[in-house]
């Protein structure tokens, strides 16, 4: 499933730099993840690269966007 950023975001900008799919950008108030571009780093890394560097741990799996590994891999292929 795609990831999302909660309201606890402190706008540190670390996650946006880490995202290999350029799925993270500044929203109206906090950073946001474009679920159409987020592959949880499938195709790039073994685990998502943004969540571990978040100092407030506000990047979580989006329960509204359930996706299998195969779906994430297909999304990666379509993006690249």
PDB file of N, CA and C in Angstrom:
ATOM      1  N   UNK A   1       0.830  -1.176   0.000  1.00  0.00           N
ATOM      2  CA  UNK A   1       0.000   0.000   0.000  1.00  0.00           C
ATOM      3  C   UNK A   1       0.875   1.239   0.000  1.00  0.00           C
ATOM      4  N   UNK A   2       0.343   2.299  -0.504  1.00  0.00           N
ATOM      5  CA  UNK A   2       1.081   3.562  -0.495  1.00  0.00           C
ATOM      6  C   UNK A   2       1.226   4.045   0.943  1.00  0.00           C
ATOM      7  N   UNK A   3       2.164   4.929   1.129  1.00  0.00           N
ATOM      8  CA  UNK A   3       2.372   5.524   2.445  1.00  0.00           C
ATOM      9  C   UNK A   3       1.696   6.887   2.484  1.00  0.00           C
ATOM     10  N   UNK A   4       1.503   7.412   3.686  1.00  0.00           N
ATOM     11  CA  UNK A   4       0.987   8.767   3.832  1.00  0.00           C
ATOM     12  C   UNK A   4       1.677   9.436   5.012  1.00  0.00           C
ATOM     13  N   UNK A   5       1.579  10.742   5.068  1.00  0.00           N
ATOM     14  CA  UNK A   5       2.211  11.530   6.121  1.00  0.00           C
ATOM     15  C   UNK A   5       1.115  12.096   7.014  1.00  0.00           C
ATOM     16  N   UNK A   6       1.248  11.883   8.312  1.00  0.00           N
ATOM     17  CA  UNK A   6       0.237  12.349   9.264  1.00  0.00           C
ATOM     18  C   UNK A   6       0.428  13.830   9.590  1.00  0.00           C
ATOM     19  N   UNK A   7      -0.519  14.369  10.321  1.00  0.00           N
ATOM     20  CA  UNK A   7      -0.483  15.778  10.722  1.00  0.00           C
ATOM     21  C   UNK A   7       0.663  16.101  11.671  1.00  0.00           C
ATOM     22  N   UNK A   8       1.351  15.094  12.171  1.00  0.00           N
ATOM     23  CA  UNK A   8       2.486  15.340  13.061  1.00  0.00           C
ATOM     24  C   UNK A   8       3.732  15.807  12.314  1.00  0.00           C
ATOM     25  N   UNK A   9       3.666  15.877  11.003  1.00  0.00           N
ATOM     26  CA  UNK A   9       4.799  16.300  10.170  1.00  0.00           C
ATOM     27  C   UNK A   9       5.313  17.664  10.625  1.00  0.00           C
ATOM     28  N   UNK A  10       6.644  17.769  10.750  1.00  0.00           N
ATOM     29  CA  UNK A  10       7.270  19.041  11.151  1.00  0.00           C
ATOM     30  C   UNK A  10       7.936  19.751   9.966  1.00  0.00           C
ATOM     31  N   UNK A  11       7.669  19.275   8.758  1.00  0.00           N
ATOM     32  CA  UNK A  11       8.187  19.898   7.530  1.00  0.00           C
ATOM     33  C   UNK A  11       9.706  19.989   7.496  1.00  0.00           C
ATOM     34  N   UNK A  12      10.362  18.931   7.896  1.00  0.00           N
ATOM     35  CA  UNK A  12      11.829  18.929   7.927  1.00  0.00           C
ATOM     36  C   UNK A  12      12.447  18.716   6.551  1.00  0.00           C
ATOM     37  N   UNK A  13      11.669  18.183   5.584  1.00  0.00           N
ATOM     38  CA  UNK A  13      12.112  17.988   4.202  1.00  0.00           C
ATOM     39  C   UNK A  13      13.007  16.769   4.004  1.00  0.00           C
ATOM     40  N   UNK A  14      13.265  15.984   5.030  1.00  0.00           N
ATOM     41  CA  UNK A  14      14.134  14.815   4.869  1.00  0.00           C
ATOM     42  C   UNK A  14      13.501  13.756   3.978  1.00  0.00           C
ATOM     43  N   UNK A  15      12.211  13.541   4.111  1.00  0.00           N
ATOM     44  CA  UNK A  15      11.536  12.492   3.350  1.00  0.00           C
ATOM     45  C   UNK A  15      11.535  12.772   1.853  1.00  0.00           C
ATOM     46  N   UNK A  16      11.290  14.010   1.478  1.00  0.00           N
ATOM     47  CA  UNK A  16      11.216  14.362   0.051  1.00  0.00           C
ATOM     48  C   UNK A  16      12.523  14.069  -0.665  1.00  0.00           C
ATOM     49  N   UNK A  17      13.620  14.329  -0.007  1.00  0.00           N
ATOM     50  CA  UNK A  17      14.943  14.084  -0.588  1.00  0.00           C
ATOM     51  C   UNK A  17      15.194  12.589  -0.762  1.00  0.00           C
ATOM     52  N   UNK A  18      14.652  11.781   0.124  1.00  0.00           N
ATOM     53  CA  UNK A  18      14.874  10.336   0.098  1.00  0.00           C
ATOM     54  C   UNK A  18      14.057   9.595  -0.950  1.00  0.00           C
ATOM     55  N   UNK A  19      12.943  10.153  -1.383  1.00  0.00           N
ATOM     56  CA  UNK A  19      12.007   9.426  -2.239  1.00  0.00           C
ATOM     57  C   UNK A  19      12.546   9.259  -3.668  1.00  0.00           C
ATOM     58  N   UNK A  20      12.801   8.021  -4.091  1.00  0.00           N
ATOM     59  CA  UNK A  20      13.331   7.803  -5.440  1.00  0.00           C
ATOM     60  C   UNK A  20      12.292   8.010  -6.544  1.00  0.00           C
ATOM     61  N   UNK A  21      11.017   8.021  -6.176  1.00  0.00           N
ATOM     62  CA  UNK A  21       9.955   8.211  -7.162  1.00  0.00           C
ATOM     63  C   UNK A  21       9.451   9.648  -7.217  1.00  0.00           C
ATOM     64  N   UNK A  22      10.046  10.531  -6.421  1.00  0.00           N
ATOM     65  CA  UNK A  22       9.609  11.919  -6.338  1.00  0.00           C
ATOM     66  C   UNK A  22       8.113  12.016  -6.025  1.00  0.00           C
ATOM     67  N   UNK A  23       7.666  11.144  -5.113  1.00  0.00           N
ATOM     68  CA  UNK A  23       6.259  11.096  -4.731  1.00  0.00           C
ATOM     69  C   UNK A  23       5.937  12.042  -3.582  1.00  0.00           C
ATOM     70  N   UNK A  24       6.946  12.613  -2.938  1.00  0.00           N
ATOM     71  CA  UNK A  24       6.730  13.450  -1.768  1.00  0.00           C
ATOM     72  C   UNK A  24       7.000  14.912  -2.116  1.00  0.00           C
ATOM     73  N   UNK A  25       6.029  15.751  -1.793  1.00  0.00           N
ATOM     74  CA  UNK A  25       6.186  17.185  -2.047  1.00  0.00           C
ATOM     75  C   UNK A  25       5.442  17.963  -0.964  1.00  0.00           C
ATOM     76  N   UNK A  26       5.730  19.245  -0.903  1.00  0.00           N
ATOM     77  CA  UNK A  26       5.087  20.100   0.078  1.00  0.00           C
ATOM     78  C   UNK A  26       3.636  20.306  -0.311  1.00  0.00           C
ATOM     79  N   UNK A  27       2.754  20.043   0.629  1.00  0.00           N
ATOM     80  CA  UNK A  27       1.336  20.301   0.428  1.00  0.00           C
ATOM     81  C   UNK A  27       0.988  21.681   0.943  1.00  0.00           C
ATOM     82  N   UNK A  28      -0.273  21.891   1.248  1.00  0.00           N
ATOM     83  CA  UNK A  28      -0.708  23.198   1.737  1.00  0.00           C
ATOM     84  C   UNK A  28      -0.082  23.515   3.089  1.00  0.00           C
ATOM     85  N   UNK A  29      -0.053  22.525   3.991  1.00  0.00           N
ATOM     86  CA  UNK A  29       0.483  22.752   5.337  1.00  0.00           C
ATOM     87  C   UNK A  29       1.653  21.848   5.700  1.00  0.00           C
ATOM     88  N   UNK A  30       1.625  20.629   5.182  1.00  0.00           N
ATOM     89  CA  UNK A  30       2.665  19.641   5.483  1.00  0.00           C
ATOM     90  C   UNK A  30       3.056  18.923   4.201  1.00  0.00           C
ATOM     91  N   UNK A  31       4.113  18.132   4.287  1.00  0.00           N
ATOM     92  CA  UNK A  31       4.496  17.328   3.131  1.00  0.00           C
ATOM     93  C   UNK A  31       3.434  16.262   2.889  1.00  0.00           C
ATOM     94  N   UNK A  32       3.270  15.887   1.629  1.00  0.00           N
ATOM     95  CA  UNK A  32       2.281  14.897   1.230  1.00  0.00           C
ATOM     96  C   UNK A  32       2.922  13.882   0.299  1.00  0.00           C
ATOM     97  N   UNK A  33       2.348  12.691   0.283  1.00  0.00           N
ATOM     98  CA  UNK A  33       2.821  11.627  -0.599  1.00  0.00           C
ATOM     99  C   UNK A  33       1.768  11.379  -1.671  1.00  0.00           C
ATOM    100  N   UNK A  34       2.185  11.437  -2.918  1.00  0.00           N
ATOM    101  CA  UNK A  34       1.306  11.139  -4.049  1.00  0.00           C
ATOM    102  C   UNK A  34       1.186   9.625  -4.142  1.00  0.00           C
ATOM    103  N   UNK A  35       0.021   9.100  -3.814  1.00  0.00           N
ATOM    104  CA  UNK A  35      -0.156   7.648  -3.788  1.00  0.00           C
ATOM    105  C   UNK A  35      -0.015   7.013  -5.177  1.00  0.00           C
ATOM    106  N   UNK A  36      -0.185   7.810  -6.225  1.00  0.00           N
ATOM    107  CA  UNK A  36       0.002   7.278  -7.580  1.00  0.00           C
ATOM    108  C   UNK A  36       1.474   7.060  -7.907  1.00  0.00           C
ATOM    109  N   UNK A  37       2.369   7.695  -7.150  1.00  0.00           N
ATOM    110  CA  UNK A  37       3.807   7.545  -7.384  1.00  0.00           C
ATOM    111  C   UNK A  37       4.498   6.712  -6.308  1.00  0.00           C
ATOM    112  N   UNK A  38       3.868   6.536  -5.160  1.00  0.00           N
ATOM    113  CA  UNK A  38       4.503   5.817  -4.056  1.00  0.00           C
ATOM    114  C   UNK A  38       4.438   4.311  -4.286  1.00  0.00           C
ATOM    115  N   UNK A  39       5.601   3.687  -4.329  1.00  0.00           N
ATOM    116  CA  UNK A  39       5.690   2.233  -4.475  1.00  0.00           C
ATOM    117  C   UNK A  39       6.266   1.592  -3.216  1.00  0.00           C
ATOM    118  N   UNK A  40       6.324   2.358  -2.123  1.00  0.00           N
ATOM    119  CA  UNK A  40       7.007   1.912  -0.899  1.00  0.00           C
ATOM    120  C   UNK A  40       8.435   1.497  -1.231  1.00  0.00           C
ATOM    121  N   UNK A  41       8.995   2.123  -2.232  1.00  0.00           N
ATOM    122  CA  UNK A  41      10.358   1.907  -2.725  1.00  0.00           C
ATOM    123  C   UNK A  41      10.558   0.549  -3.404  1.00  0.00           C
ATOM    124  N   UNK A  42       9.467  -0.177  -3.652  1.00  0.00           N
ATOM    125  CA  UNK A  42       9.578  -1.414  -4.426  1.00  0.00           C
ATOM    126  C   UNK A  42      10.179  -1.040  -5.774  1.00  0.00           C
ATOM    127  N   UNK A  43      11.171  -1.786  -6.191  1.00  0.00           N
ATOM    128  CA  UNK A  43      11.876  -1.491  -7.431  1.00  0.00           C
ATOM    129  C   UNK A  43      13.159  -0.720  -7.201  1.00  0.00           C
ATOM    130  N   UNK A  44      13.278  -0.112  -6.030  1.00  0.00           N
ATOM    131  CA  UNK A  44      14.475   0.648  -5.678  1.00  0.00           C
ATOM    132  C   UNK A  44      15.202   0.024  -4.485  1.00  0.00           C
ATOM    133  N   UNK A  45      14.459  -0.187  -3.395  1.00  0.00           N
ATOM    134  CA  UNK A  45      15.038  -0.661  -2.143  1.00  0.00           C
ATOM    135  C   UNK A  45      14.170  -1.771  -1.552  1.00  0.00           C
ATOM    136  N   UNK A  46      14.693  -2.442  -0.546  1.00  0.00           N
ATOM    137  CA  UNK A  46      13.943  -3.513   0.125  1.00  0.00           C
ATOM    138  C   UNK A  46      12.859  -2.980   1.046  1.00  0.00           C
ATOM    139  N   UNK A  47      13.044  -1.779   1.549  1.00  0.00           N
ATOM    140  CA  UNK A  47      12.066  -1.152   2.449  1.00  0.00           C
ATOM    141  C   UNK A  47      11.921   0.313   2.061  1.00  0.00           C
ATOM    142  N   UNK A  48      10.836   0.948   2.468  1.00  0.00           N
ATOM    143  CA  UNK A  48      10.670   2.372   2.170  1.00  0.00           C
ATOM    144  C   UNK A  48      11.833   3.186   2.734  1.00  0.00           C
ATOM    145  N   UNK A  49      12.308   4.141   1.979  1.00  0.00           N
ATOM    146  CA  UNK A  49      13.455   4.945   2.422  1.00  0.00           C
ATOM    147  C   UNK A  49      13.050   6.173   3.222  1.00  0.00           C
ATOM    148  N   UNK A  50      11.817   6.605   3.111  1.00  0.00           N
ATOM    149  CA  UNK A  50      11.394   7.833   3.791  1.00  0.00           C
ATOM    150  C   UNK A  50      11.066   7.623   5.266  1.00  0.00           C
ATOM    151  N   UNK A  51      10.359   6.570   5.595  1.00  0.00           N
ATOM    152  CA  UNK A  51       9.892   6.368   6.972  1.00  0.00           C
ATOM    153  C   UNK A  51      11.022   6.275   7.997  1.00  0.00           C
ATOM    154  N   UNK A  52      12.095   5.546   7.717  1.00  0.00           N
ATOM    155  CA  UNK A  52      13.148   5.436   8.741  1.00  0.00           C
ATOM    156  C   UNK A  52      13.868   6.746   9.056  1.00  0.00           C
ATOM    157  N   UNK A  53      13.873   7.691   8.146  1.00  0.00           N
ATOM    158  CA  UNK A  53      14.594   8.942   8.413  1.00  0.00           C
ATOM    159  C   UNK A  53      13.694  10.024   9.011  1.00  0.00           C
ATOM    160  N   UNK A  54      12.410   9.749   9.120  1.00  0.00           N
ATOM    161  CA  UNK A  54      11.476  10.729   9.668  1.00  0.00           C
ATOM    162  C   UNK A  54      11.703  10.879  11.171  1.00  0.00           C
ATOM    163  N   UNK A  55      12.049  12.092  11.634  1.00  0.00           N
ATOM    164  CA  UNK A  55      12.357  12.287  13.050  1.00  0.00           C
ATOM    165  C   UNK A  55      11.143  12.180  13.971  1.00  0.00           C
ATOM    166  N   UNK A  56       9.948  12.312  13.425  1.00  0.00           N
ATOM    167  CA  UNK A  56       8.751  12.226  14.269  1.00  0.00           C
ATOM    168  C   UNK A  56       7.889  11.005  13.951  1.00  0.00           C
ATOM    169  N   UNK A  57       8.398  10.134  13.092  1.00  0.00           N
ATOM    170  CA  UNK A  57       7.736   8.871  12.733  1.00  0.00           C
ATOM    171  C   UNK A  57       6.286   9.084  12.283  1.00  0.00           C
ATOM    172  N   UNK A  58       6.096  10.010  11.348  1.00  0.00           N
ATOM    173  CA  UNK A  58       4.744  10.323  10.889  1.00  0.00           C
ATOM    174  C   UNK A  58       4.435   9.782   9.491  1.00  0.00           C
ATOM    175  N   UNK A  59       5.263   8.874   8.984  1.00  0.00           N
ATOM    176  CA  UNK A  59       5.014   8.280   7.675  1.00  0.00           C
ATOM    177  C   UNK A  59       4.561   6.842   7.905  1.00  0.00           C
ATOM    178  N   UNK A  60       3.321   6.576   7.521  1.00  0.00           N
ATOM    179  CA  UNK A  60       2.684   5.300   7.816  1.00  0.00           C
ATOM    180  C   UNK A  60       2.048   4.694   6.570  1.00  0.00           C
ATOM    181  N   UNK A  61       1.776   3.387   6.585  1.00  0.00           N
ATOM    182  CA  UNK A  61       1.021   2.780   5.482  1.00  0.00           C
ATOM    183  C   UNK A  61      -0.393   3.371   5.435  1.00  0.00           C
ATOM    184  N   UNK A  62      -0.850   3.678   4.255  1.00  0.00           N
ATOM    185  CA  UNK A  62      -2.169   4.268   4.080  1.00  0.00           C
ATOM    186  C   UNK A  62      -3.223   3.159   4.020  1.00  0.00           C
ATOM    187  N   UNK A  63      -4.064   3.038   5.048  1.00  0.00           N
ATOM    188  CA  UNK A  63      -5.067   1.966   5.060  1.00  0.00           C
ATOM    189  C   UNK A  63      -6.120   2.130   3.970  1.00  0.00           C
ATOM    190  N   UNK A  64      -6.201   3.307   3.389  1.00  0.00           N
ATOM    191  CA  UNK A  64      -7.165   3.557   2.313  1.00  0.00           C
ATOM    192  C   UNK A  64      -6.622   3.186   0.936  1.00  0.00           C
ATOM    193  N   UNK A  65      -5.361   2.795   0.875  1.00  0.00           N
ATOM    194  CA  UNK A  65      -4.718   2.455  -0.402  1.00  0.00           C
ATOM    195  C   UNK A  65      -4.039   1.084  -0.329  1.00  0.00           C
ATOM    196  N   UNK A  66      -4.784   0.019  -0.073  1.00  0.00           N
ATOM    197  CA  UNK A  66      -4.144  -1.298   0.018  1.00  0.00           C
ATOM    198  C   UNK A  66      -3.613  -1.764  -1.344  1.00  0.00           C
ATOM    199  N   UNK A  67      -2.354  -2.188  -1.367  1.00  0.00           N
ATOM    200  CA  UNK A  67      -1.730  -2.686  -2.599  1.00  0.00           C
ATOM    201  C   UNK A  67      -0.818  -3.850  -2.242  1.00  0.00           C
ATOM    202  N   UNK A  68      -0.771  -4.821  -3.118  1.00  0.00           N
ATOM    203  CA  UNK A  68       0.125  -5.954  -2.932  1.00  0.00           C
ATOM    204  C   UNK A  68       1.517  -5.583  -3.450  1.00  0.00           C
ATOM    205  N   UNK A  69       2.482  -6.407  -3.134  1.00  0.00           N
ATOM    206  CA  UNK A  69       3.843  -6.215  -3.664  1.00  0.00           C
ATOM    207  C   UNK A  69       3.811  -6.226  -5.187  1.00  0.00           C
ATOM    208  N   UNK A  70       3.025  -7.114  -5.773  1.00  0.00           N
ATOM    209  CA  UNK A  70       2.932  -7.180  -7.233  1.00  0.00           C
ATOM    210  C   UNK A  70       2.341  -5.891  -7.818  1.00  0.00           C
ATOM    211  N   UNK A  71       1.348  -5.326  -7.152  1.00  0.00           N
ATOM    212  CA  UNK A  71       0.767  -4.074  -7.628  1.00  0.00           C
ATOM    213  C   UNK A  71       1.772  -2.927  -7.520  1.00  0.00           C
ATOM    214  N   UNK A  72       2.526  -2.920  -6.420  1.00  0.00           N
ATOM    215  CA  UNK A  72       3.554  -1.890  -6.265  1.00  0.00           C
ATOM    216  C   UNK A  72       4.636  -2.037  -7.330  1.00  0.00           C
ATOM    217  N   UNK A  73       5.003  -3.273  -7.641  1.00  0.00           N
ATOM    218  CA  UNK A  73       6.006  -3.522  -8.681  1.00  0.00           C
ATOM    219  C   UNK A  73       5.494  -3.076 -10.049  1.00  0.00           C
ATOM    220  N   UNK A  74       4.229  -3.327 -10.326  1.00  0.00           N
ATOM    221  CA  UNK A  74       3.632  -2.868 -11.587  1.00  0.00           C
ATOM    222  C   UNK A  74       3.630  -1.340 -11.657  1.00  0.00           C
ATOM    223  N   UNK A  75       3.317  -0.696 -10.543  1.00  0.00           N
ATOM    224  CA  UNK A  75       3.327   0.763 -10.498  1.00  0.00           C
ATOM    225  C   UNK A  75       4.738   1.288 -10.773  1.00  0.00           C
ATOM    226  N   UNK A  76       5.749   0.638 -10.167  1.00  0.00           N
ATOM    227  CA  UNK A  76       7.138   1.026 -10.413  1.00  0.00           C
ATOM    228  C   UNK A  76       7.463   0.908 -11.903  1.00  0.00           C
ATOM    229  N   UNK A  77       7.068  -0.194 -12.514  1.00  0.00           N
ATOM    230  CA  UNK A  77       7.349  -0.410 -13.941  1.00  0.00           C
ATOM    231  C   UNK A  77       6.694   0.672 -14.787  1.00  0.00           C
ATOM    232  N   UNK A  78       5.467   1.033 -14.467  1.00  0.00           N
ATOM    233  CA  UNK A  78       4.758   2.068 -15.219  1.00  0.00           C
ATOM    234  C   UNK A  78       5.387   3.452 -15.028  1.00  0.00           C
ATOM    235  N   UNK A  79       5.928   3.697 -13.841  1.00  0.00           N
ATOM    236  CA  UNK A  79       6.567   4.997 -13.571  1.00  0.00           C
ATOM    237  C   UNK A  79       7.911   5.139 -14.271  1.00  0.00           C
ATOM    238  N   UNK A  80       8.608   4.006 -14.440  1.00  0.00           N
ATOM    239  CA  UNK A  80       9.952   4.066 -14.979  1.00  0.00           C
ATOM    240  C   UNK A  80      10.013   3.313 -16.270  1.00  0.00           C
TER     241      UNK A  80
END
